[in-house]
C-alpha atoms as a PDB file:
ATOM      1  CA  LEU A   1      -0.197  -0.096   0.111  1.00  0.00           C
ATOM      2  CA  ARG A   2       1.310   3.722  -1.034  1.00  0.00           C
ATOM      3  CA  PHE A   3      -0.124   6.640   0.718  1.00  0.00           C
ATOM      4  CA  ASN A   4       1.573   9.955   1.486  1.00  0.00           C
ATOM      5  CA  MET A   5       1.461  12.406   3.930  1.00  0.00           C
ATOM      6  CA  ARG A   6       1.903  15.902   4.296  1.00  0.00           C
ATOM      7  CA  ALA A   7       0.306  18.817   7.299  1.00  0.00           C
ATOM      8  CA  ASP A   8      -2.090  21.353   6.174  1.00  0.00           C
ATOM      9  CA  VAL A   9      -0.629  24.100   8.945  1.00  0.00           C
ATOM     10  CA  GLY A  10       2.525  23.801  10.899  1.00  0.00           C
ATOM     11  CA  ASN A  11       4.664  20.539  10.930  1.00  0.00           C
ATOM     12  CA  ALA A  12       3.517  17.545  13.475  1.00  0.00           C
ATOM     13  CA  PRO A  13       4.609  14.805  14.825  1.00  0.00           C
ATOM     14  CA  TRP A  14       3.563  11.000  13.859  1.00  0.00           C
ATOM     15  CA  TYR A  15       3.610   8.310  16.108  1.00  0.00           C
ATOM     16  CA  ALA A  16       1.653   5.563  14.780  1.00  0.00           C
ATOM     17  CA  ILE A  17      -1.005   4.463  12.354  1.00  0.00           C
ATOM     18  CA  GLN A  18      -4.702   2.374  12.154  1.00  0.00           C
ATOM     19  CA  VAL A  19      -4.963  -0.299   9.840  1.00  0.00           C
ATOM     20  CA  GLU A  20      -7.889  -2.268   8.773  1.00  0.00           C
ATOM     21  CA  ARG A  21      -7.567  -5.933   7.291  1.00  0.00           C
ATOM     22  CA  THR A  22      -9.683  -6.703   4.652  1.00  0.00           C
ATOM     23  CA  GLY A  23     -10.451  -9.827   2.521  1.00  0.00           C
ATOM     24  CA  ALA A  24     -12.630 -12.639   1.736  1.00  0.00           C
ATOM     25  CA  PRO A  25     -14.501 -14.756   2.210  1.00  0.00           C
ATOM     26  CA  SER A  26     -15.813 -13.030   5.107  1.00  0.00           C
ATOM     27  CA  ASN A  27     -13.117 -10.581   5.337  1.00  0.00           C
ATOM     28  CA  GLY A  28     -10.321 -13.616   5.853  1.00  0.00           C
ATOM     29  CA  SER A  29      -8.554 -14.127   8.529  1.00  0.00           C
ATOM     30  CA  ASN A  30      -5.865 -12.023  11.130  1.00  0.00           C
ATOM     31  CA  ARG A  31      -4.102 -14.978  10.464  1.00  0.00           C
ATOM     32  CA  ASP A  32      -3.429 -14.858   6.933  1.00  0.00           C
ATOM     33  CA  VAL A  33      -0.964 -11.703   7.785  1.00  0.00           C
ATOM     34  CA  LYS A  34       2.244 -12.289   9.618  1.00  0.00           C
ATOM     35  CA  PHE A  35       4.518  -8.876   9.926  1.00  0.00           C
ATOM     36  CA  MET A  36       3.194  -5.802   8.626  1.00  0.00           C
ATOM     37  CA  ARG A  37       6.278  -2.668   8.404  1.00  0.00           C
ATOM     38  CA  ILE A  38       6.017   0.778   7.111  1.00  0.00           C
ATOM     39  CA  TYR A  39       9.270   2.317   4.625  1.00  0.00           C
ATOM     40  CA  GLN A  40       9.618   5.955   4.045  1.00  0.00           C
ATOM     41  CA  ASP A  41      10.343   6.179   0.118  1.00  0.00           C
ATOM     42  CA  ALA A  42      13.785   7.490   1.147  1.00  0.00           C
ATOM     43  CA  ASP A  43      15.104   8.433  -2.388  1.00  0.00           C
ATOM     44  CA  GLU A  44      11.442   9.616  -3.418  1.00  0.00           C
ATOM     45  CA  ASP A  45      11.588   7.480  -6.443  1.00  0.00           C
ATOM     46  CA  ASP A  46       7.628   6.450  -5.740  1.00  0.00           C
ATOM     47  CA  LEU A  47       9.254   2.601  -5.266  1.00  0.00           C
ATOM     48  CA  LEU A  48       9.308   0.367  -2.309  1.00  0.00           C
ATOM     49  CA  ASP A  49      13.759  -0.524  -2.508  1.00  0.00           C
ATOM     50  CA  THR A  50      13.834  -2.279   1.163  1.00  0.00           C
ATOM     51  CA  GLY A  51      17.606  -1.571   0.083  1.00  0.00           C
ATOM     52  CA  LYS A  52      17.318   1.873   0.539  1.00  0.00           C
ATOM     53  CA  ASP A  53      14.231   2.999   1.548  1.00  0.00           C
ATOM     54  CA  ARG A  54      13.906   3.222   5.228  1.00  0.00           C
ATOM     55  CA  ALA A  55      11.972   0.850   7.479  1.00  0.00           C
ATOM     56  CA  ILE A  56      10.173   3.157  10.085  1.00  0.00           C
ATOM     57  CA  SER A  57       8.066   0.784  12.389  1.00  0.00           C
ATOM     58  CA  SER A  58      10.395  -1.838  12.551  1.00  0.00           C
ATOM     59  CA  PRO A  59      13.696  -1.017  14.497  1.00  0.00           C
ATOM     60  CA  LYS A  60      16.066  -3.182  15.057  1.00  0.00           C
ATOM     61  CA  ALA A  61      18.648  -4.278  17.686  1.00  0.00           C
ATOM     62  CA  LYS A  62      21.325  -7.056  19.052  1.00  0.00           C
ATOM     63  CA  LEU A  63      20.695  -8.747  22.400  1.00  0.00           C
ATOM     64  CA  THR A  64      23.744  -8.213  25.052  1.00  0.00           C
ATOM     65  CA  SER A  65      22.814 -11.320  27.513  1.00  0.00           C
ATOM     66  CA  ASP A  66      21.523 -14.495  26.769  1.00  0.00           C
ATOM     67  CA  ILE A  67      17.499 -15.365  26.963  1.00  0.00           C
ATOM     68  CA  LEU A  68      16.944 -19.272  28.874  1.00  0.00           C
ATOM     69  CA  ASP A  69      14.171 -21.070  27.249  1.00  0.00           C
ATOM     70  CA  THR A  70      13.311 -21.630  30.693  1.00  0.00           C
ATOM     71  CA  ALA A  71      13.090 -17.610  31.750  1.00  0.00           C
ATOM     72  CA  VAL A  72       9.962 -16.753  32.901  1.00  0.00           C
ATOM     73  CA  ALA A  73       8.188 -13.270  31.834  1.00  0.00           C
ATOM     74  CA  PRO A  74       8.166 -10.796  33.048  1.00  0.00           C
ATOM     75  CA  PHE A  75      12.001 -10.310  33.385  1.00  0.00           C
ATOM     76  CA  ALA A  76      14.238  -7.061  32.142  1.00  0.00           C
ATOM     77  CA  VAL A  77      16.628  -7.229  29.296  1.00  0.00           C
ATOM     78  CA  GLY A  78      19.071  -4.276  30.147  1.00  0.00           C
ATOM     79  CA  ASN A  79      22.198  -2.499  27.954  1.00  0.00           C
ATOM     80  CA  VAL A  80      20.295  -2.818  24.946  1.00  0.00           C
ATOM     81  CA  ASP A  81      19.314   0.471  22.262  1.00  0.00           C
ATOM     82  CA  VAL A  82      15.949   0.490  22.274  1.00  0.00           C
ATOM     83  CA  SER A  83      15.477   4.048  21.922  1.00  0.00           C
ATOM     84  CA  SER A  84      13.837   3.718  18.531  1.00  0.00           C
ATOM     85  CA  PHE A  85      11.614   1.038  19.860  1.00  0.00           C
ATOM     86  CA  PRO A  86       8.057   2.182  21.449  1.00  0.00           C
ATOM     87  CA  PHE A  87       6.524   1.770  24.911  1.00  0.00           C
ATOM     88  CA  SER A  88       5.202  -1.507  24.242  1.00  0.00           C
ATOM     89  CA  GLY A  89       4.561  -4.181  21.374  1.00  0.00           C
ATOM     90  CA  TYR A  90       5.776  -7.512  19.913  1.00  0.00           C
ATOM     91  CA  LEU A  91       9.274  -8.614  19.322  1.00  0.00           C
ATOM     92  CA  TRP A  92      10.347 -10.710  16.743  1.00  0.00           C
ATOM     93  CA  MET A  93      13.426 -12.439  18.565  1.00  0.00           C
ATOM     94  CA  ASP A  94      16.321 -14.397  15.977  1.00  0.00           C
ATOM     95  CA  ASN A  95      13.288 -15.295  13.752  1.00  0.00           C
ATOM     96  CA  LYS A  96      11.930 -17.663  16.321  1.00  0.00           C
ATOM     97  CA  GLU A  97       9.683 -16.206  18.715  1.00  0.00           C
ATOM     98  CA  LEU A  98       7.492 -13.700  19.794  1.00  0.00           C
ATOM     99  CA  MET A  99       7.494 -11.508  23.057  1.00  0.00           C
ATOM    100  CA  ALA A 100       5.281  -8.764  24.329  1.00  0.00           C
ATOM    101  CA  TYR A 101       7.608  -6.666  25.543  1.00  0.00           C
ATOM    102  CA  THR A 102       7.159  -2.830  27.499  1.00  0.00           C
ATOM    103  CA  LYS A 103       9.925  -0.656  27.141  1.00  0.00           C
ATOM    104  CA  VAL A 104      11.561   1.151  30.144  1.00  0.00           C
ATOM    105  CA  ASN A 105      13.862   3.086  29.504  1.00  0.00           C
ATOM    106  CA  ASN A 106      16.488   3.805  25.663  1.00  0.00           C
ATOM    107  CA  SER A 107      18.490   0.801  27.344  1.00  0.00           C
ATOM    108  CA  SER A 108      15.911  -1.662  29.001  1.00  0.00           C
ATOM    109  CA  ILE A 109      12.977  -3.510  28.164  1.00  0.00           C
ATOM    110  CA  THR A 110      11.058  -5.786  29.962  1.00  0.00           C
ATOM    111  CA  ILE A 111       9.351  -9.016  28.054  1.00  0.00           C
ATOM    112  CA  THR A 112       5.979  -9.588  29.994  1.00  0.00           C
ATOM    113  CA  ALA A 113       5.051 -12.656  27.801  1.00  0.00           C
ATOM    114  CA  ARG A 114       6.757 -14.996  25.632  1.00  0.00           C
ATOM    115  CA  SER A 115       5.551 -18.041  23.239  1.00  0.00           C
ATOM    116  CA  GLN A 116       2.695 -15.682  21.220  1.00  0.00           C
ATOM    117  CA  ARG A 117       0.828 -17.225  19.415  1.00  0.00           C
ATOM    118  CA  LEU A 118       1.824 -16.652  15.323  1.00  0.00           C
ATOM    119  CA  GLY A 119      -0.476 -18.043  12.828  1.00  0.00           C
ATOM    120  CA  ASP A 120      -2.462 -20.924  14.259  1.00  0.00           C
ATOM    121  CA  ASN A 121       0.496 -21.986  16.549  1.00  0.00           C
ATOM    122  CA  LEU A 122       2.446 -20.689  19.727  1.00  0.00           C
ATOM    123  CA  THR A 123       5.888 -19.805  18.904  1.00  0.00           C
ATOM    124  CA  ALA A 124       8.274 -21.767  21.055  1.00  0.00           C
ATOM    125  CA  ALA A 125      10.135 -20.633  23.798  1.00  0.00           C
ATOM    126  CA  VAL A 126      13.948 -21.272  22.729  1.00  0.00           C
ATOM    127  CA  SER A 127      17.059 -19.570  24.294  1.00  0.00           C
ATOM    128  CA  HIS A 128      18.399 -16.660  22.659  1.00  0.00           C
ATOM    129  CA  SER A 129      22.058 -16.299  22.516  1.00  0.00           C
ATOM    130  CA  SER A 130      23.432 -12.503  22.915  1.00  0.00           C
ATOM    131  CA  GLY A 131      24.597 -11.077  19.949  1.00  0.00           C
ATOM    132  CA  ILE A 132      21.355 -11.968  17.832  1.00  0.00           C
ATOM    133  CA  THR A 133      18.815  -9.905  16.561  1.00  0.00           C
ATOM    134  CA  PHE A 134      15.830  -8.808  17.473  1.00  0.00           C
ATOM    135  CA  GLU A 135      13.089  -6.683  15.124  1.00  0.00           C
ATOM    136  CA  LYS A 136      10.044  -5.023  16.866  1.00  0.00           C
ATOM    137  CA  VAL A 137       6.754  -5.739  14.893  1.00  0.00           C
ATOM    138  CA  ASP A 138       3.545  -5.160  14.478  1.00  0.00           C
ATOM    139  CA  VAL A 139       0.771  -8.662  14.009  1.00  0.00           C
ATOM    140  CA  PHE A 140      -3.090  -8.089  14.023  1.00  0.00           C
ATOM    141  CA  ASP A 141      -4.430  -9.971  16.943  1.00  0.00           C
ATOM    142  CA  GLN A 142      -3.445 -13.183  16.586  1.00  0.00           C
ATOM    143  CA  ASN A 143      -5.807 -14.733  19.565  1.00  0.00           C
ATOM    144  CA  SER A 144      -9.234 -13.673  18.206  1.00  0.00           C
ATOM    145  CA  GLU A 145     -10.626 -12.659  14.947  1.00  0.00           C
ATOM    146  CA  ALA A 146     -13.298  -9.989  16.536  1.00  0.00           C
ATOM    147  CA  SER A 147     -10.387  -7.066  15.256  1.00  0.00           C
ATOM    148  CA  ARG A 148      -9.782  -6.208  12.125  1.00  0.00           C
ATOM    149  CA  LEU A 149      -7.914  -2.938  13.408  1.00  0.00           C
ATOM    150  CA  ALA A 150      -4.205  -2.787  14.322  1.00  0.00           C
ATOM    151  CA  THR A 151      -1.865   0.528  15.427  1.00  0.00           C
ATOM    152  CA  ILE A 152       1.557   0.451  14.055  1.00  0.00           C
ATOM    153  CA  TYR A 153       3.815   2.105  15.875  1.00  0.00           C
ATOM    154  CA  ILE A 154       6.356   3.887  14.002  1.00  0.00           C
ATOM    155  CA  THR A 155      10.091   5.485  14.688  1.00  0.00           C
ATOM    156  CA  THR A 156       8.639   9.394  15.217  1.00  0.00           C
ATOM    157  CA  GLN A 157       8.582  11.082  12.012  1.00  0.00           C
ATOM    158  CA  THR A 158       7.621  14.755  11.462  1.00  0.00           C
ATOM    159  CA  ILE A 159       5.608  15.372   8.950  1.00  0.00           C
ATOM    160  CA  GLU A 160       6.581  18.743   7.415  1.00  0.00           C
ATOM    161  CA  SER A 161       3.820  21.423   6.314  1.00  0.00           C
ATOM    162  CA  GLY A 162       3.285  21.600   2.513  1.00  0.00           C
ATOM    163  CA  LYS A 163       5.653  18.829   1.882  1.00  0.00           C
ATOM    164  CA  GLU A 164       4.529  15.449   0.705  1.00  0.00           C
ATOM    165  CA  LYS A 165       6.165  11.967   1.786  1.00  0.00           C
ATOM    166  CA  THR A 166       5.756   9.242   0.443  1.00  0.00           C
ATOM    167  CA  TYR A 167       5.172   6.409   2.648  1.00  0.00           C
ATOM    168  CA  PHE A 168       4.513   1.886   1.935  1.00  0.00           C
ATOM    169  CA  LEU A 169       2.719  -0.335   4.005  1.00  0.00           C
ATOM    170  CA  THR A 170       3.825  -3.887   3.477  1.00  0.00           C
ATOM    171  CA  TYR A 171       2.659  -6.891   4.866  1.00  0.00           C
ATOM    172  CA  ASP A 172       3.969 -10.660   5.072  1.00  0.00           C
ATOM    173  CA  ILE A 173       1.462 -13.372   4.183  1.00  0.00           C
ATOM    174  CA  GLY A 174       1.187 -16.063   7.148  1.00  0.00           C
ATOM    175  CA  ASN A 175       2.692 -19.401   7.522  1.00  0.00           C
ATOM    176  CA  GLU A 176      -0.455 -20.941   7.868  1.00  0.00           C
ATOM    177  CA  ALA A 177      -2.564 -18.520   5.574  1.00  0.00           C
ATOM    178  CA  LYS A 178      -5.906 -20.482   4.680  1.00  0.00           C
ATOM    179  CA  ASP A 179      -6.053 -21.061   0.884  1.00  0.00           C
ATOM    180  CA  GLN A 180      -8.490 -19.366  -0.713  1.00  0.00           C
ATOM    181  CA  ASN A 181      -8.492 -16.490   1.475  1.00  0.00           C
ATOM    182  CA  SER A 182      -7.857 -12.992  -0.122  1.00  0.00           C
ATOM    183  CA  VAL A 183      -6.479 -10.186   1.865  1.00  0.00           C
ATOM    184  CA  GLY A 184      -5.927  -6.629   1.844  1.00  0.00           C
ATOM    185  CA  ILE A 185      -5.307  -3.840   4.203  1.00  0.00           C
ATOM    186  CA  LYS A 186      -6.450  -0.375   3.980  1.00  0.00           C
ATOM    187  CA  ILE A 187      -6.684   2.794   5.454  1.00  0.00           C
ATOM    188  CA  SER A 188     -10.321   3.487   6.293  1.00  0.00           C
ATOM    189  CA  ASP A 189     -10.560   6.430   7.963  1.00  0.00           C
ATOM    190  CA  ARG A 190      -8.215   9.860   7.204  1.00  0.00           C
ATOM    191  CA  GLY A 191      -7.962   9.979  10.994  1.00  0.00           C
ATOM    192  CA  TRP A 192      -6.448   6.921  11.787  1.00  0.00           C
END
């Protein structure tokens, strides 16, 4: 999904955007979508190039200490640069485990839940070694189909008055996406 943003009067900070899942039959399933990401069109060519365009919703960091598979949430993870992470959300730890977190400060987070559902199954609680990369990710509610809305928190952007910027919203198809389902994402309200 390609979209443009600009402020009508003065500059405005942008922290998040709400999106709605669409699809068929009967709007598909939240589990048909894995992760959503927003990119800023850095080279202003109106084409998404993940090598050049900047991901503004999925910051990454490196783990500075081990997390054992037996660690029970909640627990603190410190000495990591999470300055560009929002106050809470989900982490995709080493491409293996989905965790929920809360940011304590710019160098510390608390893991509030482990082994979160992604698709039809819970991700396994596994050990993670110091030095691995983790990414903040955005997902639709994987436990309930009742809500087709998701809020994507981004690294704060300044939307400039009169200057339009182009962004791209991408999503991964879920590993257990249902055959014959179609899926899409829309921004239903300009106020979102």
